[in-house]
PDB file of N, CA and C in Angstrom:
ATOM      1  N   MET A   1    -224.134-131.714 104.186  1.00  0.00           N
ATOM      2  CA  MET A   1    -224.587-132.717 103.564  1.00  0.00           C
ATOM      3  C   MET A   1    -223.407-133.477 102.822  1.00  0.00           C
ATOM      4  N   ALA A   2    -223.268-134.680 102.671  1.00  0.00           N
ATOM      5  CA  ALA A   2    -222.135-135.172 102.026  1.00  0.00           C
ATOM      6  C   ALA A   2    -222.683-135.497 100.608  1.00  0.00           C
ATOM      7  N   THR A   3    -221.595-135.016  99.774  1.00  0.00           N
ATOM      8  CA  THR A   3    -221.609-135.100  98.171  1.00  0.00           C
ATOM      9  C   THR A   3    -222.043-136.884  97.682  1.00  0.00           C
ATOM     10  N   ALA A   4    -223.049-137.061  97.026  1.00  0.00           N
ATOM     11  CA  ALA A   4    -223.003-138.757  96.408  1.00  0.00           C
ATOM     12  C   ALA A   4    -221.694-138.765  95.535  1.00  0.00           C
ATOM     13  N   ASP A   5    -221.500-140.212  95.677  1.00  0.00           N
ATOM     14  CA  ASP A   5    -220.460-140.787  94.935  1.00  0.00           C
ATOM     15  C   ASP A   5    -221.401-141.260  93.792  1.00  0.00           C
ATOM     16  N   TRP A   6    -221.334-141.030  92.585  1.00  0.00           N
ATOM     17  CA  TRP A   6    -222.118-141.211  91.651  1.00  0.00           C
ATOM     18  C   TRP A   6    -221.482-142.276  90.643  1.00  0.00           C
ATOM     19  N   LYS A   7    -222.369-143.377  90.516  1.00  0.00           N
ATOM     20  CA  LYS A   7    -221.720-144.503  89.587  1.00  0.00           C
ATOM     21  C   LYS A   7    -222.729-144.571  88.551  1.00  0.00           C
ATOM     22  N   GLN A   8    -222.311-145.213  87.640  1.00  0.00           N
ATOM     23  CA  GLN A   8    -223.017-145.557  86.437  1.00  0.00           C
ATOM     24  C   GLN A   8    -223.249-147.073  85.990  1.00  0.00           C
ATOM     25  N   THR A   9    -224.546-147.383  85.341  1.00  0.00           N
ATOM     26  CA  THR A   9    -225.149-148.576  85.338  1.00  0.00           C
ATOM     27  C   THR A   9    -225.939-148.670  83.991  1.00  0.00           C
ATOM     28  N   ASP A  10    -226.244-149.793  83.244  1.00  0.00           N
ATOM     29  CA  ASP A  10    -227.175-149.589  82.316  1.00  0.00           C
ATOM     30  C   ASP A  10    -228.806-149.733  82.641  1.00  0.00           C
ATOM     31  N   GLY A  11    -229.460-148.862  82.015  1.00  0.00           N
ATOM     32  CA  GLY A  11    -230.908-149.442  82.619  1.00  0.00           C
ATOM     33  C   GLY A  11    -231.451-149.557  81.169  1.00  0.00           C
ATOM     34  N   LYS A  12    -232.977-149.918  81.660  1.00  0.00           N
ATOM     35  CA  LYS A  12    -233.901-150.577  80.461  1.00  0.00           C
ATOM     36  C   LYS A  12    -235.069-149.427  80.724  1.00  0.00           C
ATOM     37  N   VAL A  13    -235.877-148.856  79.630  1.00  0.00           N
ATOM     38  CA  VAL A  13    -237.068-148.302  79.749  1.00  0.00           C
ATOM     39  C   VAL A  13    -238.081-149.543  79.703  1.00  0.00           C
ATOM     40  N   VAL A  14    -238.894-149.523  80.640  1.00  0.00           N
ATOM     41  CA  VAL A  14    -239.929-150.293  80.905  1.00  0.00           C
ATOM     42  C   VAL A  14    -241.500-149.985  80.684  1.00  0.00           C
ATOM     43  N   LYS A  15    -241.741-148.731  81.050  1.00  0.00           N
ATOM     44  CA  LYS A  15    -243.100-148.182  81.078  1.00  0.00           C
ATOM     45  C   LYS A  15    -243.198-146.398  80.264  1.00  0.00           C
ATOM     46  N   ILE A  16    -243.560-146.084  79.347  1.00  0.00           N
ATOM     47  CA  ILE A  16    -243.897-144.551  79.188  1.00  0.00           C
ATOM     48  C   ILE A  16    -245.184-143.738  79.022  1.00  0.00           C
ATOM     49  N   GLU A  17    -245.253-143.074  79.773  1.00  0.00           N
ATOM     50  CA  GLU A  17    -246.583-142.223  79.869  1.00  0.00           C
ATOM     51  C   GLU A  17    -246.368-141.002  79.367  1.00  0.00           C
ATOM     52  N   SER A  18    -247.334-140.616  78.512  1.00  0.00           N
ATOM     53  CA  SER A  18    -247.116-138.799  77.862  1.00  0.00           C
ATOM     54  C   SER A  18    -248.374-138.075  78.963  1.00  0.00           C
ATOM     55  N   ILE A  19    -247.666-137.105  79.060  1.00  0.00           N
ATOM     56  CA  ILE A  19    -248.460-135.705  79.501  1.00  0.00           C
ATOM     57  C   ILE A  19    -248.427-134.568  78.855  1.00  0.00           C
ATOM     58  N   TYR A  20    -249.033-134.031  79.141  1.00  0.00           N
ATOM     59  CA  TYR A  20    -249.153-132.337  78.244  1.00  0.00           C
ATOM     60  C   TYR A  20    -249.250-131.465  79.136  1.00  0.00           C
ATOM     61  N   PRO A  21    -248.485-130.805  79.985  1.00  0.00           N
ATOM     62  CA  PRO A  21    -248.295-129.776  80.637  1.00  0.00           C
ATOM     63  C   PRO A  21    -248.030-128.661  79.663  1.00  0.00           C
ATOM     64  N   ARG A  22    -248.870-127.587  79.854  1.00  0.00           N
ATOM     65  CA  ARG A  22    -248.727-126.326  79.062  1.00  0.00           C
ATOM     66  C   ARG A  22    -248.682-126.707  77.186  1.00  0.00           C
ATOM     67  N   GLY A  23    -249.560-127.721  76.962  1.00  0.00           N
ATOM     68  CA  GLY A  23    -249.798-127.857  75.458  1.00  0.00           C
ATOM     69  C   GLY A  23    -248.580-128.496  75.152  1.00  0.00           C
ATOM     70  N   ARG A  24    -247.544-129.336  75.611  1.00  0.00           N
ATOM     71  CA  ARG A  24    -246.407-129.562  75.067  1.00  0.00           C
ATOM     72  C   ARG A  24    -246.460-130.985  75.908  1.00  0.00           C
ATOM     73  N   ARG A  25    -245.971-132.130  74.582  1.00  0.00           N
ATOM     74  CA  ARG A  25    -245.963-133.471  74.918  1.00  0.00           C
ATOM     75  C   ARG A  25    -244.446-133.872  75.611  1.00  0.00           C
ATOM     76  N   GLN A  26    -244.759-134.367  76.956  1.00  0.00           N
ATOM     77  CA  GLN A  26    -243.792-134.513  77.819  1.00  0.00           C
ATOM     78  C   GLN A  26    -243.998-136.373  77.979  1.00  0.00           C
ATOM     79  N   LEU A  27    -242.803-137.027  78.756  1.00  0.00           N
ATOM     80  CA  LEU A  27    -242.835-138.275  78.895  1.00  0.00           C
ATOM     81  C   LEU A  27    -242.532-138.329  80.261  1.00  0.00           C
ATOM     82  N   ILE A  28    -243.370-139.653  80.670  1.00  0.00           N
ATOM     83  CA  ILE A  28    -243.005-139.882  82.333  1.00  0.00           C
ATOM     84  C   ILE A  28    -242.486-141.453  81.991  1.00  0.00           C
ATOM     85  N   VAL A  29    -241.014-141.466  82.226  1.00  0.00           N
ATOM     86  CA  VAL A  29    -240.163-142.792  81.738  1.00  0.00           C
ATOM     87  C   VAL A  29    -239.619-143.223  82.798  1.00  0.00           C
ATOM     88  N   THR A  30    -240.354-144.560  82.895  1.00  0.00           N
ATOM     89  CA  THR A  30    -240.351-145.612  84.230  1.00  0.00           C
ATOM     90  C   THR A  30    -239.140-146.284  83.603  1.00  0.00           C
ATOM     91  N   PHE A  31    -237.953-146.441  84.332  1.00  0.00           N
ATOM     92  CA  PHE A  31    -236.875-147.693  83.763  1.00  0.00           C
ATOM     93  C   PHE A  31    -236.199-148.650  85.023  1.00  0.00           C
ATOM     94  N   SER A  32    -235.740-149.555  84.799  1.00  0.00           N
ATOM     95  CA  SER A  32    -234.946-150.433  85.659  1.00  0.00           C
ATOM     96  C   SER A  32    -233.768-150.524  85.439  1.00  0.00           C
ATOM     97  N   TYR A  33    -233.319-150.761  86.594  1.00  0.00           N
ATOM     98  CA  TYR A  33    -231.577-150.811  86.915  1.00  0.00           C
ATOM     99  C   TYR A  33    -230.997-151.776  87.879  1.00  0.00           C
ATOM    100  N   GLU A  34    -230.004-152.529  87.490  1.00  0.00           N
ATOM    101  CA  GLU A  34    -229.440-153.485  88.522  1.00  0.00           C
ATOM    102  C   GLU A  34    -228.181-153.123  89.264  1.00  0.00           C
ATOM    103  N   VAL A  35    -228.141-153.359  90.538  1.00  0.00           N
ATOM    104  CA  VAL A  35    -226.791-152.686  91.378  1.00  0.00           C
ATOM    105  C   VAL A  35    -226.624-153.807  92.282  1.00  0.00           C
ATOM    106  N   ASP A  36    -225.419-154.440  92.265  1.00  0.00           N
ATOM    107  CA  ASP A  36    -225.037-155.310  92.904  1.00  0.00           C
ATOM    108  C   ASP A  36    -226.134-156.461  93.218  1.00  0.00           C
ATOM    109  N   GLY A  37    -226.707-157.163  91.938  1.00  0.00           N
ATOM    110  CA  GLY A  37    -227.504-157.969  91.961  1.00  0.00           C
ATOM    111  C   GLY A  37    -229.051-157.810  92.376  1.00  0.00           C
ATOM    112  N   LYS A  38    -229.142-156.562  92.880  1.00  0.00           N
ATOM    113  CA  LYS A  38    -230.744-156.380  93.639  1.00  0.00           C
ATOM    114  C   LYS A  38    -231.142-155.413  92.173  1.00  0.00           C
ATOM    115  N   LEU A  39    -232.502-155.289  92.052  1.00  0.00           N
ATOM    116  CA  LEU A  39    -233.093-154.709  90.713  1.00  0.00           C
ATOM    117  C   LEU A  39    -233.881-153.471  91.661  1.00  0.00           C
ATOM    118  N   TYR A  40    -233.744-152.307  90.747  1.00  0.00           N
ATOM    119  CA  TYR A  40    -234.421-150.898  91.289  1.00  0.00           C
ATOM    120  C   TYR A  40    -235.176-150.315  89.986  1.00  0.00           C
ATOM    121  N   ALA A  41    -236.193-149.421  90.271  1.00  0.00           N
ATOM    122  CA  ALA A  41    -236.507-148.806  89.511  1.00  0.00           C
ATOM    123  C   ALA A  41    -236.905-147.134  89.633  1.00  0.00           C
ATOM    124  N   GLY A  42    -236.812-146.566  88.670  1.00  0.00           N
ATOM    125  CA  GLY A  42    -236.603-144.994  88.674  1.00  0.00           C
ATOM    126  C   GLY A  42    -237.515-144.121  87.631  1.00  0.00           C
ATOM    127  N   GLU A  43    -237.699-143.283  88.084  1.00  0.00           N
ATOM    128  CA  GLU A  43    -238.706-142.532  86.882  1.00  0.00           C
ATOM    129  C   GLU A  43    -238.065-141.337  86.577  1.00  0.00           C
ATOM    130  N   LEU A  44    -238.133-140.900  85.451  1.00  0.00           N
ATOM    131  CA  LEU A  44    -237.682-139.391  84.928  1.00  0.00           C
ATOM    132  C   LEU A  44    -238.913-138.827  83.839  1.00  0.00           C
ATOM    133  N   TYR A  45    -238.700-137.519  83.852  1.00  0.00           N
ATOM    134  CA  TYR A  45    -239.260-136.570  83.017  1.00  0.00           C
ATOM    135  C   TYR A  45    -238.766-136.025  82.007  1.00  0.00           C
ATOM    136  N   THR A  46    -239.155-136.092  80.587  1.00  0.00           N
ATOM    137  CA  THR A  46    -237.911-135.738  79.640  1.00  0.00           C
ATOM    138  C   THR A  46    -238.949-135.647  78.158  1.00  0.00           C
ATOM    139  N   PHE A  47    -238.476-134.670  77.755  1.00  0.00           N
ATOM    140  CA  PHE A  47    -239.447-134.586  76.411  1.00  0.00           C
ATOM    141  C   PHE A  47    -238.753-134.896  75.090  1.00  0.00           C
ATOM    142  N   LYS A  48    -237.302-136.005  75.537  1.00  0.00           N
ATOM    143  CA  LYS A  48    -236.904-136.561  74.172  1.00  0.00           C
ATOM    144  C   LYS A  48    -237.503-137.863  74.012  1.00  0.00           C
ATOM    145  N   SER A  49    -237.393-138.164  73.122  1.00  0.00           N
ATOM    146  CA  SER A  49    -238.170-139.440  72.433  1.00  0.00           C
ATOM    147  C   SER A  49    -237.561-140.719  73.168  1.00  0.00           C
ATOM    148  N   MET A  50    -238.445-141.608  73.660  1.00  0.00           N
ATOM    149  CA  MET A  50    -237.867-142.676  74.084  1.00  0.00           C
ATOM    150  C   MET A  50    -238.922-143.669  73.623  1.00  0.00           C
ATOM    151  N   HIS A  51    -238.687-145.046  73.849  1.00  0.00           N
ATOM    152  CA  HIS A  51    -239.523-145.984  73.703  1.00  0.00           C
ATOM    153  C   HIS A  51    -239.376-147.109  74.805  1.00  0.00           C
ATOM    154  N   GLU A  52    -240.367-148.226  74.978  1.00  0.00           N
ATOM    155  CA  GLU A  52    -240.028-148.933  76.009  1.00  0.00           C
ATOM    156  C   GLU A  52    -238.935-149.979  75.605  1.00  0.00           C
ATOM    157  N   GLY A  53    -238.199-150.496  76.336  1.00  0.00           N
ATOM    158  CA  GLY A  53    -237.003-151.443  75.850  1.00  0.00           C
ATOM    159  C   GLY A  53    -235.529-150.776  75.624  1.00  0.00           C
ATOM    160  N   ASP A  54    -235.635-149.347  75.240  1.00  0.00           N
ATOM    161  CA  ASP A  54    -234.437-148.633  74.823  1.00  0.00           C
ATOM    162  C   ASP A  54    -233.415-148.826  76.399  1.00  0.00           C
ATOM    163  N   SER A  55    -232.476-148.688  75.929  1.00  0.00           N
ATOM    164  CA  SER A  55    -231.431-148.821  77.034  1.00  0.00           C
ATOM    165  C   SER A  55    -230.826-147.254  77.438  1.00  0.00           C
ATOM    166  N   ILE A  56    -230.910-147.007  78.756  1.00  0.00           N
ATOM    167  CA  ILE A  56    -230.390-145.575  79.248  1.00  0.00           C
ATOM    168  C   ILE A  56    -229.122-145.895  80.035  1.00  0.00           C
ATOM    169  N   ASP A  57    -228.474-144.849  80.307  1.00  0.00           N
ATOM    170  CA  ASP A  57    -227.421-144.805  81.090  1.00  0.00           C
ATOM    171  C   ASP A  57    -227.950-144.246  82.619  1.00  0.00           C
ATOM    172  N   VAL A  58    -227.966-144.935  83.643  1.00  0.00           N
ATOM    173  CA  VAL A  58    -228.149-144.498  84.977  1.00  0.00           C
ATOM    174  C   VAL A  58    -227.220-144.225  85.618  1.00  0.00           C
ATOM    175  N   LYS A  59    -227.213-143.180  86.620  1.00  0.00           N
ATOM    176  CA  LYS A  59    -226.291-142.869  87.637  1.00  0.00           C
ATOM    177  C   LYS A  59    -226.988-142.602  88.598  1.00  0.00           C
ATOM    178  N   TYR A  60    -226.408-143.430  89.331  1.00  0.00           N
ATOM    179  CA  TYR A  60    -227.096-143.459  90.626  1.00  0.00           C
ATOM    180  C   TYR A  60    -226.050-143.391  92.050  1.00  0.00           C
ATOM    181  N   ASP A  61    -226.428-143.029  93.166  1.00  0.00           N
ATOM    182  CA  ASP A  61    -225.729-142.854  94.579  1.00  0.00           C
ATOM    183  C   ASP A  61    -225.108-144.102  95.021  1.00  0.00           C
ATOM    184  N   ALA A  62    -223.864-144.196  94.980  1.00  0.00           N
ATOM    185  CA  ALA A  62    -223.235-145.668  95.475  1.00  0.00           C
ATOM    186  C   ALA A  62    -223.636-145.883  96.919  1.00  0.00           C
ATOM    187  N   SER A  63    -223.739-145.110  97.861  1.00  0.00           N
ATOM    188  CA  SER A  63    -224.385-145.322  99.045  1.00  0.00           C
ATOM    189  C   SER A  63    -225.552-145.519  99.384  1.00  0.00           C
ATOM    190  N   ASN A  64    -226.632-145.020  98.279  1.00  0.00           N
ATOM    191  CA  ASN A  64    -227.684-145.246  98.262  1.00  0.00           C
ATOM    192  C   ASN A  64    -228.282-145.449  96.688  1.00  0.00           C
ATOM    193  N   PRO A  65    -228.379-146.720  96.487  1.00  0.00           N
ATOM    194  CA  PRO A  65    -228.590-146.861  94.552  1.00  0.00           C
ATOM    195  C   PRO A  65    -230.386-146.771  94.580  1.00  0.00           C
ATOM    196  N   GLU A  66    -230.935-146.105  95.159  1.00  0.00           N
ATOM    197  CA  GLU A  66    -232.581-145.728  95.159  1.00  0.00           C
ATOM    198  C   GLU A  66    -232.174-144.450  94.258  1.00  0.00           C
ATOM    199  N   LEU A  67    -231.416-143.845  95.086  1.00  0.00           N
ATOM    200  CA  LEU A  67    -231.363-142.159  94.519  1.00  0.00           C
ATOM    201  C   LEU A  67    -230.480-142.065  93.022  1.00  0.00           C
ATOM    202  N   THR A  68    -231.360-141.872  92.068  1.00  0.00           N
ATOM    203  CA  THR A  68    -230.332-141.841  90.910  1.00  0.00           C
ATOM    204  C   THR A  68    -230.246-140.071  90.635  1.00  0.00           C
ATOM    205  N   GLU A  69    -229.606-139.814  89.528  1.00  0.00           N
ATOM    206  CA  GLU A  69    -229.225-138.639  89.360  1.00  0.00           C
ATOM    207  C   GLU A  69    -230.628-137.916  88.820  1.00  0.00           C
ATOM    208  N   PHE A  70    -231.443-138.548  87.985  1.00  0.00           N
ATOM    209  CA  PHE A  70    -232.413-138.093  87.685  1.00  0.00           C
ATOM    210  C   PHE A  70    -233.306-137.465  88.791  1.00  0.00           C
ATOM    211  N   LYS A  71    -233.698-138.348  89.913  1.00  0.00           N
ATOM    212  CA  LYS A  71    -234.353-138.059  90.929  1.00  0.00           C
ATOM    213  C   LYS A  71    -233.649-136.325  91.777  1.00  0.00           C
ATOM    214  N   ALA A  72    -232.307-136.730  91.831  1.00  0.00           N
ATOM    215  CA  ALA A  72    -231.639-135.637  92.440  1.00  0.00           C
ATOM    216  C   ALA A  72    -231.749-134.148  91.728  1.00  0.00           C
ATOM    217  N   LYS A  73    -231.914-134.619  90.321  1.00  0.00           N
ATOM    218  CA  LYS A  73    -232.223-133.050  89.509  1.00  0.00           C
ATOM    219  C   LYS A  73    -233.258-132.612  89.844  1.00  0.00           C
ATOM    220  N   TYR A  74    -234.431-133.579  90.208  1.00  0.00           N
ATOM    221  CA  TYR A  74    -235.597-133.261  90.015  1.00  0.00           C
ATOM    222  C   TYR A  74    -236.103-132.541  91.500  1.00  0.00           C
ATOM    223  N   ARG A  75    -235.430-133.278  92.367  1.00  0.00           N
ATOM    224  CA  ARG A  75    -235.522-132.468  93.758  1.00  0.00           C
ATOM    225  C   ARG A  75    -234.695-130.948  93.669  1.00  0.00           C
ATOM    226  N   ARG A  76    -233.769-131.002  93.172  1.00  0.00           N
ATOM    227  CA  ARG A  76    -233.045-129.801  93.164  1.00  0.00           C
ATOM    228  C   ARG A  76    -233.991-128.509  92.639  1.00  0.00           C
ATOM    229  N   THR A  77    -234.403-129.016  91.156  1.00  0.00           N
ATOM    230  CA  THR A  77    -235.306-128.145  90.563  1.00  0.00           C
ATOM    231  C   THR A  77    -236.476-127.501  91.289  1.00  0.00           C
ATOM    232  N   TRP A  78    -237.391-128.033  91.998  1.00  0.00           N
ATOM    233  CA  TRP A  78    -238.045-127.880  92.816  1.00  0.00           C
ATOM    234  C   TRP A  78    -237.821-126.996  94.159  1.00  0.00           C
ATOM    235  N   ARG A  79    -236.948-127.546  94.751  1.00  0.00           N
ATOM    236  CA  ARG A  79    -236.181-126.595  95.777  1.00  0.00           C
ATOM    237  C   ARG A  79    -235.874-124.811  95.170  1.00  0.00           C
ATOM    238  N   ILE A  80    -235.518-125.019  93.985  1.00  0.00           N
ATOM    239  CA  ILE A  80    -235.006-123.517  93.263  1.00  0.00           C
ATOM    240  C   ILE A  80    -236.479-123.074  93.136  1.00  0.00           C
ATOM    241  N   TRP A  81    -237.601-123.762  92.640  1.00  0.00           N
ATOM    242  CA  TRP A  81    -238.780-123.163  92.171  1.00  0.00           C
ATOM    243  C   TRP A  81    -239.490-122.396  93.742  1.00  0.00           C
ATOM    244  N   TRP A  82    -239.122-123.309  94.876  1.00  0.00           N
ATOM    245  CA  TRP A  82    -240.070-122.993  95.833  1.00  0.00           C
ATOM    246  C   TRP A  82    -239.191-121.900  96.461  1.00  0.00           C
ATOM    247  N   PHE A  83    -237.976-121.776  96.190  1.00  0.00           N
ATOM    248  CA  PHE A  83    -237.308-120.656  96.819  1.00  0.00           C
ATOM    249  C   PHE A  83    -237.498-119.322  95.874  1.00  0.00           C
ATOM    250  N   VAL A  84    -237.724-119.609  94.576  1.00  0.00           N
ATOM    251  CA  VAL A  84    -238.048-118.293  93.927  1.00  0.00           C
ATOM    252  C   VAL A  84    -239.391-117.920  94.170  1.00  0.00           C
ATOM    253  N   MET A  85    -240.309-118.660  94.301  1.00  0.00           N
ATOM    254  CA  MET A  85    -241.935-118.496  94.704  1.00  0.00           C
ATOM    255  C   MET A  85    -241.864-117.851  96.267  1.00  0.00           C
ATOM    256  N   VAL A  86    -241.489-117.832  97.118  1.00  0.00           N
ATOM    257  CA  VAL A  86    -241.399-117.384  98.301  1.00  0.00           C
ATOM    258  C   VAL A  86    -240.798-115.883  98.070  1.00  0.00           C
ATOM    259  N   ILE A  87    -239.642-115.912  97.632  1.00  0.00           N
ATOM    260  CA  ILE A  87    -239.094-114.520  97.322  1.00  0.00           C
ATOM    261  C   ILE A  87    -240.299-113.557  96.692  1.00  0.00           C
ATOM    262  N   VAL A  88    -240.944-113.907  95.547  1.00  0.00           N
ATOM    263  CA  VAL A  88    -241.633-113.269  95.015  1.00  0.00           C
ATOM    264  C   VAL A  88    -242.892-113.040  95.545  1.00  0.00           C
ATOM    265  N   ALA A  89    -243.438-113.578  96.683  1.00  0.00           N
ATOM    266  CA  ALA A  89    -244.331-113.981  97.329  1.00  0.00           C
ATOM    267  C   ALA A  89    -244.420-112.808  98.382  1.00  0.00           C
ATOM    268  N   GLY A  90    -242.867-113.049  98.999  1.00  0.00           N
ATOM    269  CA  GLY A  90    -242.614-111.904 100.106  1.00  0.00           C
ATOM    270  C   GLY A  90    -242.524-110.510  99.451  1.00  0.00           C
ATOM    271  N   ALA A  91    -242.046-110.275  98.285  1.00  0.00           N
ATOM    272  CA  ALA A  91    -241.858-109.286  97.768  1.00  0.00           C
ATOM    273  C   ALA A  91    -242.991-108.494  97.592  1.00  0.00           C
ATOM    274  N   PHE A  92    -244.072-109.187  96.702  1.00  0.00           N
ATOM    275  CA  PHE A  92    -245.586-108.595  96.654  1.00  0.00           C
ATOM    276  C   PHE A  92    -246.232-108.431  98.060  1.00  0.00           C
ATOM    277  N   LEU A  93    -245.937-109.082  99.182  1.00  0.00           N
ATOM    278  CA  LEU A  93    -246.337-108.481 100.430  1.00  0.00           C
ATOM    279  C   LEU A  93    -245.925-107.259 101.111  1.00  0.00           C
ATOM    280  N   VAL A  94    -244.546-107.113 100.484  1.00  0.00           N
ATOM    281  CA  VAL A  94    -243.924-105.855 100.767  1.00  0.00           C
ATOM    282  C   VAL A  94    -244.428-104.802 100.335  1.00  0.00           C
ATOM    283  N   VAL A  95    -244.609-104.887  99.174  1.00  0.00           N
ATOM    284  CA  VAL A  95    -245.233-103.758  98.116  1.00  0.00           C
ATOM    285  C   VAL A  95    -246.583-103.677  98.674  1.00  0.00           C
ATOM    286  N   LEU A  96    -247.511-104.533  99.074  1.00  0.00           N
ATOM    287  CA  LEU A  96    -248.881-103.923  99.374  1.00  0.00           C
ATOM    288  C   LEU A  96    -248.664-103.211 100.742  1.00  0.00           C
ATOM    289  N   TRP A  97    -247.668-103.701 101.759  1.00  0.00           N
ATOM    290  CA  TRP A  97    -247.504-103.009 102.764  1.00  0.00           C
ATOM    291  C   TRP A  97    -247.272-101.842 102.627  1.00  0.00           C
ATOM    292  N   VAL A  98    -246.074-101.334 102.039  1.00  0.00           N
ATOM    293  CA  VAL A  98    -245.629 -99.958 101.517  1.00  0.00           C
ATOM    294  C   VAL A  98    -246.535 -99.169 101.035  1.00  0.00           C
ATOM    295  N   THR A  99    -247.659 -99.404 100.270  1.00  0.00           N
ATOM    296  CA  THR A  99    -248.194 -98.696  99.519  1.00  0.00           C
ATOM    297  C   THR A  99    -249.361 -98.330 100.429  1.00  0.00           C
ATOM    298  N   GLY A 100    -249.660 -99.186 101.123  1.00  0.00           N
ATOM    299  CA  GLY A 100    -250.927 -99.194 102.006  1.00  0.00           C
ATOM    300  C   GLY A 100    -252.140-100.047 101.463  1.00  0.00           C
ATOM    301  N   ALA A 101    -251.994-100.795 100.795  1.00  0.00           N
ATOM    302  CA  ALA A 101    -253.086-101.470 100.255  1.00  0.00           C
ATOM    303  C   ALA A 101    -253.576-102.685 101.063  1.00  0.00           C
ATOM    304  N   TRP A 102    -252.546-102.751 102.151  1.00  0.00           N
ATOM    305  CA  TRP A 102    -252.742-103.938 102.925  1.00  0.00           C
ATOM    306  C   TRP A 102    -253.115-103.630 104.334  1.00  0.00           C
ATOM    307  N   HIS A 103    -254.344-102.913 104.438  1.00  0.00           N
ATOM    308  CA  HIS A 103    -254.440-102.668 106.250  1.00  0.00           C
ATOM    309  C   HIS A 103    -255.905-102.836 106.249  1.00  0.00           C
TER     310      HIS A 103
END
């Protein structure tokens, strides 16, 4: 898989929603940014305080401007969690099989 050629542009926060996973406030930030005269929107999850109208730096893939670095990090994080969960579940099943509890 080819690596992305990341470019940077200015973005603007257009909407903020609060969620409370595990009792801690997290923000879902919707932002817009422009690349070659075309307007794009993205979303990021953060614990940092932000407000509508704030400016943010947006890194995007030059060959696919819809892919931001925020989205790429989010995808990577979930892939890692799925991998860890599969390993743990597999280990659990092996323990059940070895101990004879799974018959």
